[in-house]
């Protein structure tokens, strides 16, 4: 046990504010680049920054998503056409019904 430390610790807004201020001072003192240096030597840890994606990456992702949606819609339409042909060939659906439904 640490001296002068109670058994249970209550987290309050004042403690949170103080912790945030200490962290800001630490970042200002060490710097953004050196803050993650320990993760490069300590294998299980990683450090990452969230940065906006560059324009070619955004276009590539948009194009890939558009191709996925197009392929999915084409597959659904192909299945529907195939089912309609099977119904017509089995005699369950008359040709006149097909022409009237279009």
N, C-alpha and C. Protein backbone atom coordinates (compact mmCIF):
# COMPACT_ATOMS: atom_id res chain seq x y z
N UNK A 1 0.83 -1.19 0.00
CA UNK A 1 0.00 0.00 0.00
C UNK A 1 0.87 1.25 0.00
N UNK A 2 0.39 2.27 -0.68
CA UNK A 2 1.07 3.56 -0.70
C UNK A 2 0.72 4.31 0.57
N UNK A 3 1.66 5.02 1.13
CA UNK A 3 1.34 5.81 2.33
C UNK A 3 0.39 6.96 1.97
N UNK A 4 -0.47 7.29 2.89
CA UNK A 4 -1.43 8.40 2.73
C UNK A 4 -2.36 8.19 1.55
N UNK A 5 -2.64 6.94 1.21
CA UNK A 5 -3.53 6.66 0.09
C UNK A 5 -4.69 5.82 0.61
N UNK A 6 -5.92 6.27 0.40
CA UNK A 6 -7.06 5.49 0.90
C UNK A 6 -7.20 4.18 0.10
N UNK A 7 -7.93 3.24 0.70
CA UNK A 7 -8.13 1.94 0.05
C UNK A 7 -8.94 2.07 -1.24
N UNK A 8 -9.92 2.94 -1.24
CA UNK A 8 -10.72 3.15 -2.45
C UNK A 8 -10.52 4.57 -2.95
N UNK A 9 -10.49 4.71 -4.24
CA UNK A 9 -10.24 6.03 -4.83
C UNK A 9 -11.48 6.45 -5.61
N UNK A 10 -12.00 7.62 -5.33
CA UNK A 10 -13.18 8.13 -6.02
C UNK A 10 -12.74 9.09 -7.12
N UNK A 11 -13.18 8.83 -8.32
CA UNK A 11 -12.84 9.66 -9.48
C UNK A 11 -13.86 10.77 -9.55
N UNK A 12 -13.40 12.01 -9.49
CA UNK A 12 -14.29 13.17 -9.54
C UNK A 12 -13.94 14.02 -10.75
N UNK A 13 -14.79 14.98 -11.04
CA UNK A 13 -14.54 15.89 -12.16
C UNK A 13 -13.26 16.71 -11.93
N UNK A 14 -13.00 17.05 -10.69
CA UNK A 14 -11.78 17.81 -10.37
C UNK A 14 -10.55 16.96 -10.67
N UNK A 15 -10.59 15.69 -10.30
CA UNK A 15 -9.47 14.79 -10.59
C UNK A 15 -9.30 14.61 -12.10
N UNK A 16 -10.42 14.52 -12.80
CA UNK A 16 -10.36 14.35 -14.25
C UNK A 16 -9.73 15.59 -14.89
N UNK A 17 -10.16 16.76 -14.46
CA UNK A 17 -9.61 18.00 -15.00
C UNK A 17 -8.11 18.10 -14.72
N UNK A 18 -7.72 17.71 -13.53
CA UNK A 18 -6.30 17.74 -13.17
C UNK A 18 -5.51 16.75 -14.03
N UNK A 19 -6.06 15.58 -14.25
CA UNK A 19 -5.38 14.57 -15.07
C UNK A 19 -5.24 15.05 -16.51
N UNK A 20 -6.26 15.69 -17.04
CA UNK A 20 -6.20 16.22 -18.41
C UNK A 20 -5.13 17.30 -18.51
N UNK A 21 -5.05 18.17 -17.53
CA UNK A 21 -4.03 19.23 -17.53
C UNK A 21 -2.62 18.64 -17.46
N UNK A 22 -2.44 17.62 -16.62
CA UNK A 22 -1.12 16.97 -16.53
C UNK A 22 -0.76 16.33 -17.86
N UNK A 23 -1.74 15.68 -18.49
CA UNK A 23 -1.48 15.04 -19.79
C UNK A 23 -1.12 16.08 -20.85
N UNK A 24 -1.81 17.20 -20.86
CA UNK A 24 -1.50 18.27 -21.83
C UNK A 24 -0.08 18.80 -21.61
N UNK A 25 0.31 18.99 -20.35
CA UNK A 25 1.67 19.46 -20.07
C UNK A 25 2.70 18.42 -20.49
N UNK A 26 2.39 17.14 -20.29
CA UNK A 26 3.30 16.07 -20.69
C UNK A 26 3.48 16.04 -22.20
N UNK A 27 2.39 16.18 -22.93
CA UNK A 27 2.47 16.20 -24.40
C UNK A 27 3.25 17.42 -24.86
N UNK A 28 3.02 18.58 -24.24
CA UNK A 28 3.75 19.79 -24.62
C UNK A 28 5.24 19.65 -24.32
N UNK A 29 5.57 18.99 -23.22
CA UNK A 29 6.96 18.85 -22.83
C UNK A 29 7.68 17.80 -23.69
N UNK A 30 7.05 16.68 -23.93
CA UNK A 30 7.69 15.58 -24.68
C UNK A 30 7.54 15.78 -26.18
N UNK A 31 6.38 16.19 -26.63
CA UNK A 31 6.12 16.34 -28.06
C UNK A 31 5.33 15.16 -28.60
N UNK A 32 4.64 15.38 -29.70
CA UNK A 32 3.79 14.35 -30.29
C UNK A 32 4.59 13.15 -30.79
N UNK A 33 5.72 13.41 -31.41
CA UNK A 33 6.49 12.33 -32.01
C UNK A 33 7.13 11.42 -30.97
N UNK A 34 7.68 12.01 -29.91
CA UNK A 34 8.37 11.23 -28.89
C UNK A 34 7.40 10.54 -27.94
N UNK A 35 6.16 10.96 -27.95
CA UNK A 35 5.17 10.39 -27.05
C UNK A 35 4.94 8.91 -27.34
N UNK A 36 5.07 8.52 -28.59
CA UNK A 36 4.81 7.13 -28.98
C UNK A 36 6.08 6.32 -29.17
N UNK A 37 7.23 6.86 -28.83
CA UNK A 37 8.49 6.13 -29.03
C UNK A 37 8.56 4.82 -28.25
N UNK A 38 7.94 4.77 -27.08
CA UNK A 38 8.00 3.53 -26.31
C UNK A 38 7.29 2.39 -27.01
N UNK A 39 6.33 2.69 -27.85
CA UNK A 39 5.60 1.62 -28.54
C UNK A 39 6.43 0.99 -29.65
N UNK A 40 7.43 1.70 -30.13
CA UNK A 40 8.27 1.14 -31.19
C UNK A 40 9.23 0.10 -30.64
N UNK A 41 9.60 0.23 -29.37
CA UNK A 41 10.51 -0.73 -28.77
C UNK A 41 9.76 -1.80 -27.97
N UNK A 42 8.54 -1.54 -27.60
CA UNK A 42 7.73 -2.46 -26.81
C UNK A 42 6.69 -3.08 -27.73
N UNK A 43 6.91 -4.30 -28.18
CA UNK A 43 6.15 -4.93 -29.26
C UNK A 43 4.64 -5.01 -29.07
N UNK A 44 4.10 -5.39 -27.93
CA UNK A 44 2.64 -5.55 -27.89
C UNK A 44 1.86 -4.25 -27.98
N UNK A 45 2.49 -3.12 -27.79
CA UNK A 45 1.79 -1.85 -27.81
C UNK A 45 1.89 -1.21 -29.19
N UNK A 46 0.86 -0.48 -29.54
CA UNK A 46 0.89 0.26 -30.80
C UNK A 46 0.41 1.68 -30.53
N UNK A 47 0.82 2.56 -31.38
CA UNK A 47 0.41 3.95 -31.27
C UNK A 47 -0.06 4.39 -32.64
N UNK A 48 -1.20 5.01 -32.70
CA UNK A 48 -1.69 5.45 -34.00
C UNK A 48 -2.34 6.82 -33.87
N UNK A 49 -2.29 7.56 -34.94
CA UNK A 49 -2.94 8.86 -35.02
C UNK A 49 -4.06 8.75 -36.03
N UNK A 50 -5.15 9.40 -35.76
CA UNK A 50 -6.23 9.42 -36.74
C UNK A 50 -6.04 10.66 -37.61
N UNK A 51 -5.82 10.40 -38.87
CA UNK A 51 -5.62 11.48 -39.83
C UNK A 51 -6.64 11.32 -40.94
N UNK A 52 -7.06 12.40 -41.54
CA UNK A 52 -8.00 12.27 -42.66
C UNK A 52 -7.34 11.56 -43.84
N UNK A 53 -8.13 10.76 -44.54
CA UNK A 53 -7.59 10.04 -45.69
C UNK A 53 -7.33 11.00 -46.84
N UNK A 54 -6.32 10.68 -47.63
CA UNK A 54 -6.03 11.51 -48.78
C UNK A 54 -7.06 11.27 -49.89
N UNK A 55 -7.11 12.15 -50.85
CA UNK A 55 -8.14 12.13 -51.88
C UNK A 55 -8.13 10.85 -52.73
N UNK A 56 -6.99 10.35 -53.20
CA UNK A 56 -7.02 9.10 -53.98
C UNK A 56 -7.57 7.91 -53.19
N UNK A 57 -7.28 7.86 -51.90
CA UNK A 57 -7.80 6.77 -51.07
C UNK A 57 -9.31 6.86 -50.96
N UNK A 58 -9.82 8.07 -50.78
CA UNK A 58 -11.28 8.24 -50.70
C UNK A 58 -11.95 7.84 -52.00
N UNK A 59 -11.37 8.25 -53.14
CA UNK A 59 -11.95 7.87 -54.43
C UNK A 59 -11.90 6.36 -54.63
N UNK A 60 -10.81 5.74 -54.22
CA UNK A 60 -10.67 4.30 -54.37
C UNK A 60 -11.72 3.56 -53.54
N UNK A 61 -11.92 3.99 -52.31
CA UNK A 61 -12.93 3.36 -51.47
C UNK A 61 -14.34 3.59 -52.01
N UNK A 62 -14.62 4.78 -52.50
CA UNK A 62 -15.94 5.06 -53.08
C UNK A 62 -16.18 4.20 -54.32
N UNK A 63 -15.17 4.06 -55.16
CA UNK A 63 -15.30 3.24 -56.36
C UNK A 63 -15.52 1.77 -55.99
N UNK A 64 -14.78 1.28 -55.03
CA UNK A 64 -14.94 -0.10 -54.59
C UNK A 64 -16.32 -0.36 -54.01
N UNK A 65 -16.83 0.59 -53.22
CA UNK A 65 -18.18 0.43 -52.66
C UNK A 65 -19.24 0.48 -53.76
N UNK A 66 -19.06 1.34 -54.75
CA UNK A 66 -20.01 1.41 -55.86
C UNK A 66 -20.01 0.10 -56.66
N UNK A 67 -18.83 -0.48 -56.87
CA UNK A 67 -18.76 -1.75 -57.58
C UNK A 67 -19.42 -2.88 -56.79
N UNK A 68 -19.26 -2.87 -55.48
CA UNK A 68 -19.89 -3.88 -54.63
C UNK A 68 -21.42 -3.77 -54.71
N UNK A 69 -21.95 -2.57 -54.64
CA UNK A 69 -23.39 -2.37 -54.72
C UNK A 69 -23.90 -2.79 -56.10
N UNK A 70 -23.19 -2.41 -57.16
CA UNK A 70 -23.59 -2.79 -58.52
C UNK A 70 -23.61 -4.31 -58.68
N UNK A 71 -22.58 -4.99 -58.21
CA UNK A 71 -22.52 -6.44 -58.32
C UNK A 71 -23.64 -7.10 -57.53
N UNK A 72 -23.95 -6.57 -56.36
CA UNK A 72 -25.03 -7.13 -55.54
C UNK A 72 -26.38 -6.98 -56.22
N UNK A 73 -26.64 -5.79 -56.77
CA UNK A 73 -27.92 -5.55 -57.46
C UNK A 73 -28.03 -6.45 -58.69
N UNK A 74 -26.95 -6.59 -59.45
CA UNK A 74 -26.96 -7.47 -60.63
C UNK A 74 -27.24 -8.92 -60.24
N UNK A 75 -26.66 -9.37 -59.14
CA UNK A 75 -26.89 -10.75 -58.69
C UNK A 75 -28.34 -10.96 -58.30
N UNK A 76 -28.94 -10.00 -57.61
CA UNK A 76 -30.34 -10.12 -57.21
C UNK A 76 -31.25 -10.13 -58.44
N UNK A 77 -30.98 -9.25 -59.39
CA UNK A 77 -31.78 -9.21 -60.62
C UNK A 77 -31.65 -10.52 -61.39
N UNK A 78 -30.45 -11.08 -61.46
CA UNK A 78 -30.24 -12.35 -62.17
C UNK A 78 -31.02 -13.48 -61.50
N UNK A 79 -31.04 -13.52 -60.19
CA UNK A 79 -31.80 -14.55 -59.47
C UNK A 79 -33.28 -14.38 -59.73
N UNK A 80 -33.77 -13.15 -59.73
CA UNK A 80 -35.20 -12.92 -59.99
C UNK A 80 -35.58 -13.33 -61.41
N UNK A 81 -34.75 -13.02 -62.38
CA UNK A 81 -35.03 -13.42 -63.77
C UNK A 81 -35.02 -14.93 -63.88
N UNK A 82 -34.08 -15.58 -63.23
CA UNK A 82 -33.99 -17.05 -63.28
C UNK A 82 -35.23 -17.68 -62.66
N UNK A 83 -35.71 -17.18 -61.56
CA UNK A 83 -36.92 -17.72 -60.92
C UNK A 83 -38.14 -17.53 -61.82
N UNK A 84 -38.22 -16.38 -62.46
CA UNK A 84 -39.36 -16.12 -63.35
C UNK A 84 -39.34 -17.09 -64.53
N UNK A 85 -38.16 -17.38 -65.08
CA UNK A 85 -38.05 -18.33 -66.19
C UNK A 85 -38.45 -19.73 -65.74
N UNK A 86 -38.07 -20.13 -64.53
CA UNK A 86 -38.44 -21.45 -64.03
C UNK A 86 -39.94 -21.56 -63.86
N UNK A 87 -40.59 -20.49 -63.37
CA UNK A 87 -42.04 -20.50 -63.19
C UNK A 87 -42.74 -20.62 -64.53
N UNK A 88 -42.24 -19.95 -65.55
CA UNK A 88 -42.84 -20.01 -66.89
C UNK A 88 -42.66 -21.40 -67.51
N UNK A 89 -41.49 -22.01 -67.31
CA UNK A 89 -41.22 -23.31 -67.93
C UNK A 89 -41.96 -24.44 -67.23
N UNK A 90 -42.30 -24.28 -65.95
CA UNK A 90 -43.03 -25.33 -65.22
C UNK A 90 -44.53 -25.26 -65.46
N UNK A 91 -45.01 -24.21 -66.04
CA UNK A 91 -46.43 -24.05 -66.28
C UNK A 91 -47.16 -23.40 -65.13
N UNK A 92 -46.47 -23.00 -64.11
CA UNK A 92 -47.13 -22.34 -62.98
C UNK A 92 -47.52 -20.90 -63.32
N UNK A 93 -46.83 -20.33 -64.26
CA UNK A 93 -47.10 -18.95 -64.65
C UNK A 93 -47.28 -18.94 -66.16
N UNK A 94 -48.41 -18.45 -66.61
CA UNK A 94 -48.69 -18.43 -68.04
C UNK A 94 -47.97 -17.27 -68.71
N UNK A 95 -47.69 -17.43 -69.99
CA UNK A 95 -46.98 -16.39 -70.75
C UNK A 95 -47.82 -15.12 -70.77
N UNK A 96 -49.15 -15.26 -70.86
CA UNK A 96 -50.01 -14.08 -70.88
C UNK A 96 -49.88 -13.31 -69.57
N UNK A 97 -49.74 -14.03 -68.45
CA UNK A 97 -49.58 -13.36 -67.16
C UNK A 97 -48.26 -12.58 -67.10
N UNK A 98 -47.22 -13.15 -67.71
CA UNK A 98 -45.93 -12.49 -67.74
C UNK A 98 -46.00 -11.21 -68.56
N UNK A 99 -46.68 -11.26 -69.72
CA UNK A 99 -46.78 -10.08 -70.57
C UNK A 99 -47.61 -9.00 -69.88
N UNK A 100 -48.67 -9.41 -69.18
CA UNK A 100 -49.53 -8.43 -68.51
C UNK A 100 -48.85 -7.82 -67.29
N UNK A 101 -47.94 -8.57 -66.67
CA UNK A 101 -47.27 -8.04 -65.48
C UNK A 101 -46.19 -7.05 -65.81
N UNK A 102 -45.68 -7.10 -67.04
CA UNK A 102 -44.66 -6.16 -67.44
C UNK A 102 -45.32 -4.86 -67.81
